[in-house]
Amino acid sequence: MEGAILYKGEEFYTDLNRIFTSINNKQNEYNWLITDCTCYPENQEYDLRMNQKYYWIKGEDLTSMIKNENFQIIWGVFSGFKKDIEFEDVMKFHLPYAEGYSGFWEEELSIQHPLAELEIIAWDSSITMFISKRESLVRDFRYKFSKSEDLKVYNKLCSV
């Protein structure tokens, strides 16, 4: 499990369009559970979808939505699941959340949802965290966002 934290050098954080580009649009390979989300898209349909308790969406549909309107995410957890995992199985577990979850700040990284492969976390519009079971995705994210840091190292240094 690898992770990155981005909290400096950006105009705004959790720019999903740029994040998707950084991982070579691999988000399309997943279905997404969006939880604990606060955002303010101009499109009312997007606003209704995104600001629910949870929202389940195909990667291609999420990509299309973000290409149509690349709105900023203030808070939220985007959990990516392999396409063969059923929504009903996902909902057997607690919903991931951003604000107040202490697990982001531990040396041993984990993804909140046990069936998810990766997680993108918007933290108070000032931090983006990217955690994945696929090391290559984190490496690609870190390459594109050169001011991002290894989340394990960051957590270790902050806990001293």
Protein backbone atom coordinates (compact mmCIF):
# COMPACT_ATOMS: atom_id res chain seq x y z
CA MET A 1 0.00 0.00 0.00
CA GLU A 2 1.44 3.34 -1.07
CA GLY A 3 0.22 6.87 -0.64
CA ALA A 4 0.90 10.49 -1.44
CA ILE A 5 -0.11 13.77 0.14
CA LEU A 6 -0.40 17.04 -1.75
CA TYR A 7 -0.71 20.21 0.30
CA LYS A 8 1.52 22.80 -1.34
CA GLY A 9 2.17 24.37 -4.69
CA GLU A 10 -1.32 24.16 -6.19
CA GLU A 11 -3.91 26.79 -7.05
CA PHE A 12 -6.52 24.52 -5.51
CA TYR A 13 -6.57 20.93 -4.34
CA THR A 14 -8.38 17.78 -5.41
CA ASP A 15 -8.52 18.86 -9.02
CA LEU A 16 -9.93 15.57 -10.30
CA ASN A 17 -9.27 16.39 -13.93
CA ARG A 18 -5.55 16.79 -13.24
CA ILE A 19 -5.52 13.76 -10.93
CA PHE A 20 -7.13 11.60 -13.60
CA THR A 21 -4.61 12.83 -16.17
CA SER A 22 -1.76 12.08 -13.75
CA ILE A 23 -2.78 8.42 -13.48
CA ASN A 24 -3.26 8.10 -17.24
CA ASN A 25 -7.04 7.91 -16.89
CA LYS A 26 -6.91 4.62 -14.98
CA GLN A 27 -9.97 5.85 -13.04
CA ASN A 28 -12.01 4.48 -15.94
CA GLU A 29 -11.03 0.96 -14.86
CA TYR A 30 -12.97 1.34 -11.60
CA ASN A 31 -16.42 1.98 -10.22
CA TRP A 32 -16.44 4.70 -7.59
CA LEU A 33 -18.14 5.15 -4.26
CA ILE A 34 -18.16 8.82 -3.34
CA THR A 35 -18.84 9.54 0.33
CA ASP A 36 -18.68 12.38 2.83
CA CYS A 37 -18.54 14.80 -0.08
CA THR A 38 -18.91 18.54 0.05
CA CYS A 39 -18.60 20.39 -3.24
CA TYR A 40 -20.44 23.10 -5.13
CA PRO A 41 -20.81 22.31 -8.82
CA GLU A 42 -22.82 24.79 -10.86
CA ASN A 43 -24.69 21.96 -12.56
CA GLN A 44 -27.61 21.18 -10.23
CA GLU A 45 -27.74 17.53 -11.28
CA TYR A 46 -24.08 17.08 -10.28
CA ASP A 47 -24.71 18.95 -7.04
CA LEU A 48 -27.59 16.60 -6.12
CA ARG A 49 -25.53 13.51 -6.92
CA MET A 50 -22.29 14.52 -5.26
CA ASN A 51 -23.68 15.93 -2.02
CA GLN A 52 -25.65 12.82 -1.03
CA LYS A 53 -24.63 10.47 1.78
CA TYR A 54 -23.04 8.30 -0.92
CA TYR A 55 -22.96 8.10 -4.68
CA TRP A 56 -22.02 5.08 -6.84
CA ILE A 57 -20.74 5.86 -10.34
CA LYS A 58 -18.85 4.16 -13.18
CA GLY A 59 -15.37 5.52 -13.82
CA GLU A 60 -16.29 6.58 -17.34
CA ASP A 61 -19.31 8.53 -16.05
CA LEU A 62 -17.24 10.21 -13.34
CA THR A 63 -14.67 11.17 -15.98
CA SER A 64 -17.39 12.62 -18.19
CA MET A 65 -18.87 14.61 -15.31
CA ILE A 66 -15.49 16.09 -14.38
CA LYS A 67 -14.71 16.93 -18.02
CA ASN A 68 -18.05 18.74 -18.25
CA GLU A 69 -17.44 20.71 -15.05
CA ASN A 70 -14.19 20.44 -13.15
CA PHE A 71 -15.53 21.66 -9.82
CA GLN A 72 -13.46 21.76 -6.65
CA ILE A 73 -14.04 19.12 -3.99
CA ILE A 74 -13.88 20.53 -0.45
CA TRP A 75 -14.30 17.26 1.48
CA GLY A 76 -14.81 13.75 0.25
CA VAL A 77 -13.60 10.21 -0.17
CA PHE A 78 -13.49 8.66 -3.63
CA SER A 79 -13.08 4.90 -3.25
CA GLY A 80 -12.24 2.98 -6.43
CA PHE A 81 -13.42 -0.62 -6.87
CA LYS A 82 -12.63 -3.20 -9.51
CA LYS A 83 -15.52 -3.42 -11.98
CA ASP A 84 -16.44 -6.96 -10.93
CA ILE A 85 -17.27 -5.91 -7.36
CA GLU A 86 -21.02 -5.47 -6.91
CA PHE A 87 -22.54 -2.39 -5.30
CA GLU A 88 -24.50 -4.61 -2.89
CA ASP A 89 -21.22 -6.08 -1.60
CA VAL A 90 -19.71 -2.61 -1.20
CA MET A 91 -22.65 -1.47 0.90
CA LYS A 92 -22.15 -4.27 3.45
CA PHE A 93 -19.38 -2.16 5.03
CA HIS A 94 -19.19 1.22 6.76
CA LEU A 95 -19.04 4.22 4.46
CA PRO A 96 -15.61 5.92 4.26
CA TYR A 97 -15.34 9.46 5.57
CA ALA A 98 -12.78 12.25 5.41
CA GLU A 99 -13.26 14.61 8.34
CA GLY A 100 -12.27 13.01 11.60
CA TYR A 101 -10.80 9.79 10.20
CA SER A 102 -7.46 9.30 12.00
CA GLY A 103 -6.28 6.41 9.82
CA PHE A 104 -4.94 8.80 7.17
CA TRP A 105 -2.26 9.92 9.60
CA GLU A 106 -0.83 6.55 10.60
CA GLU A 107 2.51 5.20 9.39
CA GLU A 108 0.90 2.01 8.12
CA LEU A 109 -1.39 3.14 5.31
CA SER A 110 -4.73 1.56 4.64
CA ILE A 111 -7.75 2.17 2.47
CA GLN A 112 -10.89 2.64 4.54
CA HIS A 113 -13.15 0.38 2.52
CA PRO A 114 -11.88 -3.22 2.59
CA LEU A 115 -12.97 -3.94 -1.00
CA ALA A 116 -11.51 -0.78 -2.56
CA GLU A 117 -8.30 -0.66 -4.58
CA LEU A 118 -7.59 3.04 -4.23
CA GLU A 119 -8.77 6.14 -2.47
CA ILE A 120 -8.65 9.82 -3.33
CA ILE A 121 -9.35 12.04 -0.34
CA ALA A 122 -10.23 15.73 -0.38
CA TRP A 123 -9.35 17.23 2.96
CA ASP A 124 -10.87 20.65 3.68
CA SER A 125 -9.95 21.88 0.16
CA SER A 126 -6.32 22.25 1.26
CA ILE A 127 -5.00 18.68 1.01
CA THR A 128 -5.37 15.79 -1.39
CA MET A 129 -4.35 12.31 -0.36
CA PHE A 130 -3.98 9.48 -2.85
CA ILE A 131 -3.69 5.91 -1.53
CA SER A 132 -3.52 2.83 -3.73
CA LYS A 133 -2.73 -0.85 -3.73
CA ARG A 134 -1.13 -0.20 -7.15
CA GLU A 135 2.25 1.40 -6.52
CA SER A 136 2.43 2.55 -10.16
CA LEU A 137 -0.62 4.81 -9.70
CA VAL A 138 0.95 6.55 -6.70
CA ARG A 139 4.22 6.90 -8.59
CA ASP A 140 2.38 8.47 -11.55
CA PHE A 141 0.48 10.83 -9.22
CA ARG A 142 3.71 11.89 -7.51
CA TYR A 143 5.44 12.46 -10.82
CA LYS A 144 2.68 14.78 -12.07
CA PHE A 145 2.38 16.56 -8.71
CA SER A 146 6.06 17.10 -8.03
CA LYS A 147 5.41 18.88 -4.72
CA SER A 148 3.48 15.92 -3.35
CA GLU A 149 5.13 13.82 -0.66
CA ASP A 150 5.20 10.18 0.32
CA LEU A 151 2.34 9.86 2.82
CA LYS A 152 4.15 7.22 4.91
CA VAL A 153 7.20 9.46 5.28
CA TYR A 154 5.02 12.49 6.01
CA ASN A 155 3.15 10.60 8.74
CA LYS A 156 6.37 9.30 10.26
CA LEU A 157 7.92 12.77 10.40
CA CYS A 158 4.76 14.33 11.83
CA SER A 159 4.44 11.71 14.57
CA VAL A 160 7.91 12.42 15.99
